[in-house]
N, C-alpha and C. Protein backbone atom coordinates (compact mmCIF):
# COMPACT_ATOMS: atom_id res chain seq x y z
N MET A 1 -70.74 14.79 1.88
CA MET A 1 -71.29 13.97 2.94
C MET A 1 -72.68 13.47 2.55
N VAL A 2 -73.45 14.30 1.88
CA VAL A 2 -74.80 13.91 1.50
C VAL A 2 -74.76 12.75 0.51
N GLY A 3 -73.85 12.84 -0.50
CA GLY A 3 -73.72 11.77 -1.48
C GLY A 3 -73.28 10.47 -0.84
N TYR A 4 -72.37 10.54 0.11
CA TYR A 4 -71.90 9.37 0.85
C TYR A 4 -73.07 8.70 1.58
N ARG A 5 -73.85 9.51 2.26
CA ARG A 5 -75.00 8.97 3.01
C ARG A 5 -76.03 8.33 2.07
N LEU A 6 -76.34 9.01 0.97
CA LEU A 6 -77.31 8.48 0.03
C LEU A 6 -76.84 7.16 -0.59
N ALA A 7 -75.57 7.10 -0.95
CA ALA A 7 -75.03 5.89 -1.56
C ALA A 7 -75.09 4.72 -0.58
N LEU A 8 -74.73 4.95 0.66
CA LEU A 8 -74.73 3.86 1.64
C LEU A 8 -76.14 3.45 2.05
N GLN A 9 -77.10 4.36 1.97
CA GLN A 9 -78.47 4.00 2.28
C GLN A 9 -79.02 3.00 1.26
N GLU A 10 -78.45 3.00 0.05
CA GLU A 10 -78.89 2.09 -1.00
C GLU A 10 -78.21 0.73 -0.91
N THR A 11 -77.33 0.54 0.07
CA THR A 11 -76.61 -0.72 0.23
C THR A 11 -76.87 -1.28 1.62
N ASP A 12 -76.30 -2.42 1.88
CA ASP A 12 -76.38 -3.02 3.21
C ASP A 12 -75.16 -2.68 4.06
N LEU A 13 -74.33 -1.75 3.60
CA LEU A 13 -73.09 -1.43 4.30
C LEU A 13 -73.31 -0.59 5.54
N GLY A 14 -74.33 0.24 5.54
CA GLY A 14 -74.58 1.11 6.68
C GLY A 14 -73.70 2.34 6.64
N ILE A 15 -74.17 3.39 7.26
CA ILE A 15 -73.43 4.66 7.29
C ILE A 15 -72.43 4.62 8.43
N LYS A 16 -71.19 4.99 8.10
CA LYS A 16 -70.10 4.98 9.09
C LYS A 16 -69.49 6.38 9.14
N ASP A 17 -70.07 7.24 9.97
CA ASP A 17 -69.60 8.63 10.05
C ASP A 17 -68.16 8.73 10.51
N GLN A 18 -67.64 7.72 11.22
CA GLN A 18 -66.24 7.76 11.67
C GLN A 18 -65.27 7.69 10.50
N LEU A 19 -65.78 7.38 9.30
CA LEU A 19 -64.93 7.33 8.12
C LEU A 19 -64.90 8.65 7.36
N VAL A 20 -65.60 9.66 7.85
CA VAL A 20 -65.65 10.96 7.18
C VAL A 20 -64.80 11.94 8.00
N PHE A 21 -63.79 12.51 7.35
CA PHE A 21 -62.90 13.46 8.00
C PHE A 21 -63.06 14.82 7.35
N SER A 22 -62.89 15.87 8.13
CA SER A 22 -62.96 17.24 7.60
C SER A 22 -61.58 17.87 7.70
N GLY A 23 -61.26 18.65 6.68
CA GLY A 23 -59.97 19.33 6.67
C GLY A 23 -60.10 20.67 5.98
N ASP A 24 -58.96 21.23 5.61
CA ASP A 24 -58.97 22.56 5.00
C ASP A 24 -58.58 22.53 3.52
N TYR A 25 -58.73 21.41 2.86
CA TYR A 25 -58.50 21.28 1.42
C TYR A 25 -57.06 21.53 1.01
N SER A 26 -56.12 21.18 1.89
CA SER A 26 -54.70 21.38 1.60
C SER A 26 -53.97 20.04 1.60
N VAL A 27 -52.75 20.05 1.08
CA VAL A 27 -51.91 18.86 1.09
C VAL A 27 -51.65 18.42 2.53
N ASP A 28 -51.34 19.37 3.41
CA ASP A 28 -51.08 19.03 4.81
C ASP A 28 -52.29 18.39 5.47
N SER A 29 -53.46 18.90 5.17
CA SER A 29 -54.69 18.36 5.73
C SER A 29 -54.89 16.91 5.25
N GLY A 30 -54.65 16.67 3.97
CA GLY A 30 -54.76 15.31 3.45
C GLY A 30 -53.80 14.36 4.13
N TYR A 31 -52.59 14.84 4.39
CA TYR A 31 -51.59 14.03 5.08
C TYR A 31 -52.08 13.64 6.47
N ARG A 32 -52.57 14.63 7.21
CA ARG A 32 -53.04 14.37 8.58
C ARG A 32 -54.25 13.44 8.60
N MET A 33 -55.18 13.64 7.67
CA MET A 33 -56.39 12.81 7.66
C MET A 33 -56.07 11.36 7.33
N ILE A 34 -55.17 11.11 6.40
CA ILE A 34 -54.86 9.72 6.06
C ILE A 34 -54.12 9.05 7.20
N LYS A 35 -53.34 9.78 7.97
CA LYS A 35 -52.69 9.21 9.15
C LYS A 35 -53.75 8.70 10.14
N ARG A 36 -54.83 9.47 10.30
CA ARG A 36 -55.94 9.02 11.17
C ARG A 36 -56.58 7.78 10.60
N LEU A 37 -56.79 7.76 9.28
CA LEU A 37 -57.41 6.62 8.61
C LEU A 37 -56.55 5.37 8.79
N LEU A 38 -55.25 5.52 8.69
CA LEU A 38 -54.35 4.36 8.81
C LEU A 38 -54.31 3.78 10.22
N SER A 39 -54.71 4.56 11.21
CA SER A 39 -54.70 4.07 12.59
C SER A 39 -55.97 3.29 12.94
N MET A 40 -56.93 3.24 12.02
CA MET A 40 -58.20 2.57 12.29
C MET A 40 -58.05 1.05 12.17
N THR A 41 -58.86 0.34 12.94
CA THR A 41 -58.92 -1.11 12.86
C THR A 41 -60.37 -1.52 12.71
N PRO A 42 -60.72 -2.25 11.66
CA PRO A 42 -59.87 -2.60 10.53
C PRO A 42 -59.58 -1.37 9.68
N ARG A 43 -58.45 -1.41 9.00
CA ARG A 43 -58.05 -0.27 8.19
C ARG A 43 -58.80 -0.29 6.87
N PRO A 44 -59.40 0.85 6.49
CA PRO A 44 -60.07 0.92 5.19
C PRO A 44 -59.08 0.66 4.05
N THR A 45 -59.61 0.24 2.92
CA THR A 45 -58.77 -0.09 1.77
C THR A 45 -58.95 0.90 0.63
N ALA A 46 -59.76 1.93 0.83
CA ALA A 46 -59.97 2.93 -0.21
C ALA A 46 -60.34 4.25 0.44
N MET A 47 -60.05 5.34 -0.29
CA MET A 47 -60.41 6.65 0.21
C MET A 47 -60.77 7.54 -0.97
N PHE A 48 -61.67 8.49 -0.71
CA PHE A 48 -62.06 9.49 -1.69
C PHE A 48 -61.75 10.86 -1.10
N ALA A 49 -60.99 11.65 -1.82
CA ALA A 49 -60.64 12.99 -1.36
C ALA A 49 -61.50 14.02 -2.08
N SER A 50 -61.99 15.00 -1.36
CA SER A 50 -62.89 15.98 -1.96
C SER A 50 -62.17 17.00 -2.83
N ASN A 51 -60.85 17.00 -2.81
CA ASN A 51 -60.08 17.73 -3.83
C ASN A 51 -58.73 17.04 -3.99
N ASN A 52 -58.01 17.40 -5.02
CA ASN A 52 -56.78 16.69 -5.32
C ASN A 52 -55.60 17.11 -4.46
N PHE A 53 -55.65 18.26 -3.81
CA PHE A 53 -54.59 18.61 -2.87
C PHE A 53 -54.65 17.68 -1.66
N ILE A 54 -55.85 17.37 -1.20
CA ILE A 54 -56.01 16.40 -0.12
C ILE A 54 -55.49 15.03 -0.58
N ALA A 55 -55.82 14.66 -1.81
CA ALA A 55 -55.37 13.36 -2.34
C ALA A 55 -53.85 13.29 -2.42
N ILE A 56 -53.21 14.37 -2.82
CA ILE A 56 -51.74 14.38 -2.89
C ILE A 56 -51.14 14.22 -1.49
N GLY A 57 -51.71 14.91 -0.51
CA GLY A 57 -51.25 14.75 0.88
C GLY A 57 -51.44 13.32 1.36
N ALA A 58 -52.57 12.73 0.97
CA ALA A 58 -52.82 11.33 1.35
C ALA A 58 -51.79 10.41 0.72
N LEU A 59 -51.47 10.64 -0.55
CA LEU A 59 -50.46 9.81 -1.22
C LEU A 59 -49.10 9.93 -0.54
N LYS A 60 -48.74 11.13 -0.10
CA LYS A 60 -47.47 11.33 0.61
C LYS A 60 -47.46 10.56 1.92
N ALA A 61 -48.57 10.63 2.66
CA ALA A 61 -48.66 9.92 3.94
C ALA A 61 -48.62 8.41 3.72
N LEU A 62 -49.30 7.94 2.69
CA LEU A 62 -49.28 6.50 2.39
C LEU A 62 -47.88 6.05 2.01
N ARG A 63 -47.18 6.85 1.23
CA ARG A 63 -45.79 6.50 0.87
C ARG A 63 -44.92 6.45 2.13
N ASP A 64 -45.06 7.45 3.02
CA ASP A 64 -44.28 7.47 4.26
C ASP A 64 -44.57 6.27 5.14
N ALA A 65 -45.84 5.80 5.11
CA ALA A 65 -46.24 4.64 5.91
C ALA A 65 -45.97 3.32 5.18
N GLN A 66 -45.40 3.41 3.99
CA GLN A 66 -45.10 2.24 3.16
C GLN A 66 -46.34 1.42 2.84
N VAL A 67 -47.44 2.13 2.57
CA VAL A 67 -48.68 1.51 2.14
C VAL A 67 -48.73 1.61 0.62
N SER A 68 -48.87 0.48 -0.03
CA SER A 68 -48.86 0.44 -1.48
C SER A 68 -50.18 0.93 -2.07
N VAL A 69 -50.06 1.88 -3.02
CA VAL A 69 -51.21 2.39 -3.75
C VAL A 69 -51.09 1.90 -5.18
N PRO A 70 -52.04 1.22 -5.71
CA PRO A 70 -53.39 0.93 -5.24
C PRO A 70 -53.55 -0.45 -4.60
N ASP A 71 -52.45 -1.20 -4.42
CA ASP A 71 -52.57 -2.57 -3.92
C ASP A 71 -53.19 -2.66 -2.52
N GLU A 72 -52.77 -1.79 -1.61
CA GLU A 72 -53.29 -1.82 -0.25
C GLU A 72 -54.32 -0.73 0.03
N MET A 73 -54.23 0.37 -0.70
CA MET A 73 -55.16 1.48 -0.50
C MET A 73 -55.43 2.14 -1.85
N SER A 74 -56.67 2.23 -2.22
CA SER A 74 -57.06 2.94 -3.44
C SER A 74 -57.33 4.39 -3.08
N VAL A 75 -56.90 5.31 -3.94
CA VAL A 75 -57.07 6.74 -3.69
C VAL A 75 -57.72 7.37 -4.91
N VAL A 76 -58.82 8.09 -4.68
CA VAL A 76 -59.50 8.82 -5.74
C VAL A 76 -59.63 10.27 -5.29
N GLY A 77 -59.27 11.18 -6.19
CA GLY A 77 -59.41 12.60 -5.93
C GLY A 77 -60.53 13.18 -6.76
N PHE A 78 -60.95 14.37 -6.39
CA PHE A 78 -62.03 15.05 -7.11
C PHE A 78 -61.48 16.33 -7.71
N ASP A 79 -61.66 16.48 -9.00
CA ASP A 79 -61.20 17.62 -9.79
C ASP A 79 -59.92 17.17 -10.49
N ASP A 80 -59.58 17.83 -11.56
CA ASP A 80 -58.38 17.45 -12.28
C ASP A 80 -57.22 18.32 -11.83
N LEU A 81 -56.01 17.87 -12.15
CA LEU A 81 -54.81 18.59 -11.74
C LEU A 81 -54.04 19.10 -12.95
N PRO A 82 -53.38 20.26 -12.81
CA PRO A 82 -52.46 20.69 -13.86
C PRO A 82 -51.30 19.68 -13.97
N LEU A 83 -50.68 19.61 -15.12
CA LEU A 83 -49.61 18.64 -15.33
C LEU A 83 -48.46 18.80 -14.35
N ARG A 84 -48.22 20.00 -13.82
CA ARG A 84 -47.12 20.20 -12.88
C ARG A 84 -47.33 19.43 -11.57
N PHE A 85 -48.57 18.94 -11.34
CA PHE A 85 -48.86 18.21 -10.12
C PHE A 85 -48.95 16.70 -10.35
N VAL A 86 -48.41 16.20 -11.46
CA VAL A 86 -48.45 14.76 -11.71
C VAL A 86 -47.68 14.06 -10.60
N VAL A 87 -48.29 13.04 -10.04
CA VAL A 87 -47.70 12.34 -8.91
C VAL A 87 -47.52 10.87 -9.24
N ASP A 88 -46.70 10.21 -8.45
CA ASP A 88 -46.48 8.78 -8.59
C ASP A 88 -46.83 8.13 -7.27
N PRO A 89 -47.79 7.21 -7.24
CA PRO A 89 -48.48 6.63 -8.37
C PRO A 89 -49.48 7.60 -8.98
N PHE A 90 -49.86 7.32 -10.21
CA PHE A 90 -50.81 8.16 -10.92
C PHE A 90 -52.10 8.26 -10.11
N LEU A 91 -52.66 9.44 -10.02
CA LEU A 91 -53.84 9.68 -9.21
C LEU A 91 -55.11 9.53 -10.05
N THR A 92 -56.01 8.68 -9.60
CA THR A 92 -57.32 8.55 -10.22
C THR A 92 -58.16 9.74 -9.78
N VAL A 93 -58.79 10.40 -10.75
CA VAL A 93 -59.57 11.60 -10.41
C VAL A 93 -60.94 11.56 -11.07
N ALA A 94 -61.89 12.20 -10.41
CA ALA A 94 -63.21 12.47 -10.98
C ALA A 94 -63.11 13.89 -11.52
N ASP A 95 -62.99 14.03 -12.82
CA ASP A 95 -62.78 15.33 -13.44
C ASP A 95 -64.05 16.18 -13.35
N GLN A 96 -63.84 17.46 -13.16
CA GLN A 96 -64.94 18.41 -13.09
C GLN A 96 -64.63 19.56 -14.06
N PRO A 97 -65.51 19.82 -15.00
CA PRO A 97 -65.24 20.88 -15.98
C PRO A 97 -65.45 22.27 -15.38
N ALA A 98 -64.50 22.73 -14.60
CA ALA A 98 -64.65 23.97 -13.84
C ALA A 98 -64.92 25.17 -14.75
N TYR A 99 -64.21 25.27 -15.87
CA TYR A 99 -64.42 26.40 -16.77
C TYR A 99 -65.86 26.43 -17.27
N GLU A 100 -66.34 25.27 -17.75
CA GLU A 100 -67.71 25.19 -18.27
C GLU A 100 -68.75 25.47 -17.18
N ILE A 101 -68.50 25.01 -15.98
CA ILE A 101 -69.43 25.30 -14.88
C ILE A 101 -69.49 26.80 -14.62
N GLY A 102 -68.32 27.46 -14.60
CA GLY A 102 -68.29 28.91 -14.41
C GLY A 102 -68.95 29.65 -15.54
N GLN A 103 -68.74 29.16 -16.76
CA GLN A 103 -69.35 29.79 -17.93
C GLN A 103 -70.88 29.70 -17.87
N ARG A 104 -71.40 28.55 -17.50
CA ARG A 104 -72.84 28.38 -17.38
C ARG A 104 -73.42 29.21 -16.25
N ALA A 105 -72.66 29.33 -15.17
CA ALA A 105 -73.13 30.09 -14.01
C ALA A 105 -73.27 31.57 -14.33
N THR A 106 -72.39 32.06 -15.21
CA THR A 106 -72.47 33.48 -15.55
C THR A 106 -73.42 33.68 -16.70
């Protein structure tokens, strides 16, 4: 939330707290949050998920709503996924070197 606020303060877009949803970092939570996003007018055209399980849930909800990714809605997740979680369409992610972060922390 802090990064979102800082980024928008540097633009003329203004901060829109109604575009920030909280969940429990699960696929189901991502599904529910994107359903709320899709009910908004005007409907946003992009979303950023704070983890990839939320992003996968969002992709499922978008598919169920017949919203084309990335043509109608862009989806970006945070953190990388194991290959067993490869989804269609391919998920854009901001990779985080979790092992290296843990190694440095210890």
